[in-house]
Amino acid sequence: MNIQITKQGDTIETQSNVSADMNLNYGLLSHRFCSGFIDINQISKTHQSFSCRRCNFRFVFPLVLNTWNKLRKYLKSTPNGREG
């Protein structure tokens, strides 16, 4: 599964079979731009981030978005993200 998370085209890819209702922490994630591994980190009581180990790309989003479906809906509704 691939999901475009910024207007600039930053895309997160999963390295395993992941369904839309699965938790974001399932499977290996990579950043399509640089092929670096993506970590998901809780950065506050309310937010988490995708962080690329290779290029240091970071995308912050609410902690309640814990499945791919929830993240896609959020990206469609916010000007900072994009699901294409």
N, C-alpha and C. Protein backbone atom coordinates (compact mmCIF):
# COMPACT_ATOMS: atom_id res chain seq x y z
N MET A 1 0.85 -1.16 0.00
CA MET A 1 0.00 0.00 0.00
C MET A 1 0.90 1.23 0.00
N ASN A 2 0.56 2.21 -0.81
CA ASN A 2 1.27 3.47 -0.87
C ASN A 2 0.31 4.59 -0.50
N ILE A 3 0.83 5.61 0.16
CA ILE A 3 0.00 6.75 0.53
C ILE A 3 0.83 8.02 0.39
N GLN A 4 0.34 8.95 -0.44
CA GLN A 4 1.00 10.23 -0.63
C GLN A 4 0.60 11.14 0.52
N ILE A 5 1.57 11.63 1.27
CA ILE A 5 1.25 12.38 2.48
C ILE A 5 1.50 13.88 2.38
N THR A 6 2.16 14.35 1.32
CA THR A 6 2.35 15.79 1.15
C THR A 6 2.03 16.20 -0.28
N LYS A 7 1.74 17.47 -0.47
CA LYS A 7 1.50 18.01 -1.81
C LYS A 7 2.74 17.90 -2.68
N GLN A 8 3.91 17.89 -2.05
CA GLN A 8 5.17 17.80 -2.78
C GLN A 8 5.46 16.40 -3.31
N GLY A 9 4.63 15.44 -2.94
CA GLY A 9 4.76 14.09 -3.48
C GLY A 9 5.40 13.09 -2.56
N ASP A 10 5.70 13.47 -1.31
CA ASP A 10 6.28 12.50 -0.39
C ASP A 10 5.30 11.36 -0.16
N THR A 11 5.77 10.15 -0.39
CA THR A 11 4.93 8.96 -0.33
C THR A 11 5.53 7.94 0.62
N ILE A 12 4.66 7.37 1.44
CA ILE A 12 5.05 6.29 2.34
C ILE A 12 4.61 4.98 1.69
N GLU A 13 5.51 4.01 1.66
CA GLU A 13 5.21 2.70 1.10
C GLU A 13 5.31 1.65 2.19
N THR A 14 4.43 0.66 2.13
CA THR A 14 4.53 -0.47 3.05
C THR A 14 5.24 -1.61 2.33
N GLN A 15 6.03 -2.36 3.07
CA GLN A 15 6.81 -3.45 2.50
C GLN A 15 6.15 -4.81 2.71
N SER A 16 4.90 -4.80 3.12
CA SER A 16 4.18 -6.06 3.35
C SER A 16 2.72 -5.84 2.99
N ASN A 17 1.96 -6.92 2.96
CA ASN A 17 0.54 -6.81 2.66
C ASN A 17 -0.18 -6.17 3.84
N VAL A 18 -0.67 -4.98 3.63
CA VAL A 18 -1.34 -4.21 4.67
C VAL A 18 -2.71 -3.80 4.15
N SER A 19 -3.73 -4.06 4.94
CA SER A 19 -5.07 -3.62 4.55
C SER A 19 -5.33 -2.24 5.12
N ALA A 20 -6.31 -1.56 4.58
CA ALA A 20 -6.62 -0.18 4.96
C ALA A 20 -7.04 -0.04 6.41
N ASP A 21 -7.58 -1.10 7.00
CA ASP A 21 -8.03 -1.03 8.40
C ASP A 21 -6.95 -1.43 9.40
N MET A 22 -5.78 -1.76 8.92
CA MET A 22 -4.71 -2.19 9.83
C MET A 22 -4.03 -1.00 10.50
N ASN A 23 -3.43 -1.29 11.64
CA ASN A 23 -2.69 -0.29 12.40
C ASN A 23 -1.49 0.19 11.60
N LEU A 24 -1.18 1.49 11.72
CA LEU A 24 -0.04 2.07 11.00
C LEU A 24 1.28 1.42 11.38
N ASN A 25 1.40 0.89 12.58
CA ASN A 25 2.65 0.31 13.05
C ASN A 25 2.92 -1.09 12.52
N TYR A 26 2.03 -1.63 11.69
CA TYR A 26 2.21 -2.98 11.18
C TYR A 26 3.08 -2.95 9.92
N GLY A 27 4.11 -3.75 9.89
CA GLY A 27 4.94 -3.88 8.70
C GLY A 27 6.04 -2.84 8.61
N LEU A 28 6.90 -3.01 7.61
CA LEU A 28 7.98 -2.07 7.36
C LEU A 28 7.50 -0.95 6.46
N LEU A 29 7.90 0.28 6.78
CA LEU A 29 7.52 1.44 6.00
C LEU A 29 8.76 2.07 5.39
N SER A 30 8.62 2.60 4.17
CA SER A 30 9.75 3.29 3.55
C SER A 30 9.28 4.57 2.89
N HIS A 31 10.23 5.49 2.72
CA HIS A 31 10.00 6.79 2.08
C HIS A 31 10.36 6.63 0.61
N ARG A 32 9.39 6.78 -0.28
CA ARG A 32 9.62 6.51 -1.69
C ARG A 32 10.72 7.40 -2.27
N PHE A 33 10.84 8.65 -1.83
CA PHE A 33 11.81 9.58 -2.39
C PHE A 33 13.24 9.08 -2.25
N CYS A 34 13.62 8.61 -1.06
CA CYS A 34 15.01 8.24 -0.81
C CYS A 34 15.19 6.76 -0.47
N SER A 35 14.10 6.02 -0.37
CA SER A 35 14.09 4.59 -0.01
C SER A 35 14.54 4.33 1.43
N GLY A 36 14.51 5.36 2.27
CA GLY A 36 14.86 5.19 3.67
C GLY A 36 13.73 4.56 4.47
N PHE A 37 14.08 3.89 5.55
CA PHE A 37 13.07 3.32 6.42
C PHE A 37 12.37 4.42 7.21
N ILE A 38 11.08 4.23 7.46
CA ILE A 38 10.25 5.18 8.19
C ILE A 38 9.97 4.62 9.59
N ASP A 39 10.20 5.47 10.58
CA ASP A 39 9.81 5.15 11.95
C ASP A 39 8.56 5.96 12.28
N ILE A 40 7.70 5.39 13.12
CA ILE A 40 6.55 6.12 13.64
C ILE A 40 6.82 6.36 15.11
N ASN A 41 6.85 7.64 15.51
CA ASN A 41 7.17 8.01 16.87
C ASN A 41 6.08 8.88 17.47
N GLN A 42 5.72 8.60 18.71
CA GLN A 42 4.83 9.50 19.43
C GLN A 42 5.68 10.67 19.91
N ILE A 43 5.30 11.89 19.53
CA ILE A 43 6.12 13.06 19.84
C ILE A 43 5.49 13.98 20.88
N SER A 44 4.23 13.72 21.24
CA SER A 44 3.55 14.47 22.30
C SER A 44 2.37 13.64 22.78
N LYS A 45 1.59 14.19 23.68
CA LYS A 45 0.40 13.48 24.16
C LYS A 45 -0.64 13.34 23.07
N THR A 46 -0.58 14.21 22.04
CA THR A 46 -1.64 14.23 21.02
C THR A 46 -1.16 13.93 19.60
N HIS A 47 0.15 13.88 19.36
CA HIS A 47 0.65 13.73 17.99
C HIS A 47 1.75 12.69 17.88
N GLN A 48 1.89 12.18 16.64
CA GLN A 48 2.93 11.24 16.28
C GLN A 48 3.54 11.71 14.96
N SER A 49 4.62 11.08 14.54
CA SER A 49 5.24 11.49 13.29
C SER A 49 5.79 10.30 12.53
N PHE A 50 5.83 10.45 11.19
CA PHE A 50 6.62 9.59 10.34
C PHE A 50 7.98 10.26 10.25
N SER A 51 9.05 9.52 10.50
CA SER A 51 10.41 10.06 10.41
C SER A 51 11.26 9.15 9.56
N CYS A 52 11.87 9.71 8.52
CA CYS A 52 12.73 8.92 7.63
C CYS A 52 14.13 8.84 8.21
N ARG A 53 14.67 7.64 8.28
CA ARG A 53 16.02 7.43 8.82
C ARG A 53 17.11 7.94 7.88
N ARG A 54 16.81 8.00 6.59
CA ARG A 54 17.84 8.37 5.62
C ARG A 54 17.92 9.88 5.37
N CYS A 55 16.80 10.53 5.07
CA CYS A 55 16.84 11.94 4.68
C CYS A 55 16.28 12.88 5.75
N ASN A 56 15.83 12.32 6.87
CA ASN A 56 15.29 13.09 7.99
C ASN A 56 13.95 13.77 7.70
N PHE A 57 13.26 13.35 6.63
CA PHE A 57 11.91 13.85 6.37
C PHE A 57 11.04 13.53 7.59
N ARG A 58 10.16 14.46 7.93
CA ARG A 58 9.26 14.25 9.08
C ARG A 58 7.89 14.79 8.74
N PHE A 59 6.86 14.01 9.08
CA PHE A 59 5.48 14.41 8.87
C PHE A 59 4.72 14.17 10.17
N VAL A 60 4.16 15.23 10.75
CA VAL A 60 3.47 15.16 12.04
C VAL A 60 1.97 15.07 11.81
N PHE A 61 1.30 14.19 12.57
CA PHE A 61 -0.14 14.02 12.45
C PHE A 61 -0.71 13.56 13.78
N PRO A 62 -2.03 13.75 13.99
CA PRO A 62 -2.65 13.40 15.28
C PRO A 62 -2.51 11.93 15.64
N LEU A 63 -2.33 11.69 16.92
CA LEU A 63 -2.15 10.34 17.46
C LEU A 63 -3.37 9.45 17.22
N VAL A 64 -4.56 10.04 17.17
CA VAL A 64 -5.78 9.24 16.99
C VAL A 64 -5.86 8.60 15.60
N LEU A 65 -5.02 9.03 14.68
CA LEU A 65 -5.01 8.43 13.34
C LEU A 65 -4.12 7.19 13.37
N ASN A 66 -4.70 6.08 13.79
CA ASN A 66 -3.92 4.87 14.01
C ASN A 66 -4.11 3.79 12.95
N THR A 67 -4.92 4.06 11.93
CA THR A 67 -5.06 3.12 10.81
C THR A 67 -4.84 3.86 9.50
N TRP A 68 -4.58 3.09 8.44
CA TRP A 68 -4.37 3.70 7.12
C TRP A 68 -5.61 4.43 6.65
N ASN A 69 -6.81 3.89 6.91
CA ASN A 69 -8.06 4.55 6.50
C ASN A 69 -8.21 5.90 7.18
N LYS A 70 -7.96 5.95 8.49
CA LYS A 70 -8.08 7.22 9.23
C LYS A 70 -7.08 8.24 8.71
N LEU A 71 -5.87 7.80 8.41
CA LEU A 71 -4.86 8.72 7.90
C LEU A 71 -5.27 9.25 6.53
N ARG A 72 -5.78 8.41 5.66
CA ARG A 72 -6.23 8.85 4.33
C ARG A 72 -7.33 9.90 4.43
N LYS A 73 -8.30 9.66 5.30
CA LYS A 73 -9.40 10.62 5.48
C LYS A 73 -8.86 11.96 5.98
N TYR A 74 -7.92 11.90 6.90
CA TYR A 74 -7.30 13.13 7.43
C TYR A 74 -6.58 13.89 6.33
N LEU A 75 -5.82 13.18 5.51
CA LEU A 75 -5.05 13.83 4.44
C LEU A 75 -5.95 14.49 3.41
N LYS A 76 -7.11 13.91 3.18
CA LYS A 76 -8.06 14.51 2.23
C LYS A 76 -8.67 15.79 2.79
N SER A 77 -8.70 15.92 4.11
CA SER A 77 -9.38 17.07 4.74
C SER A 77 -8.44 18.19 5.17
N THR A 78 -7.14 18.01 5.06
CA THR A 78 -6.20 19.02 5.54
C THR A 78 -5.40 19.62 4.38
N PRO A 79 -5.12 20.91 4.44
CA PRO A 79 -4.35 21.54 3.36
C PRO A 79 -2.88 21.15 3.38
N ASN A 80 -2.36 20.62 4.48
CA ASN A 80 -0.95 20.25 4.57
C ASN A 80 -0.66 18.88 3.98
N GLY A 81 -1.67 18.04 3.89
CA GLY A 81 -1.47 16.69 3.39
C GLY A 81 -2.20 16.48 2.09
N ARG A 82 -1.93 15.34 1.48
CA ARG A 82 -2.62 15.02 0.24
C ARG A 82 -2.64 13.52 0.08
N GLU A 83 -3.78 13.00 -0.20
CA GLU A 83 -3.89 11.58 -0.53
C GLU A 83 -4.32 11.51 -1.98
N GLY A 84 -3.47 10.97 -2.82
CA GLY A 84 -3.76 10.97 -4.24
C GLY A 84 -3.92 9.64 -4.87
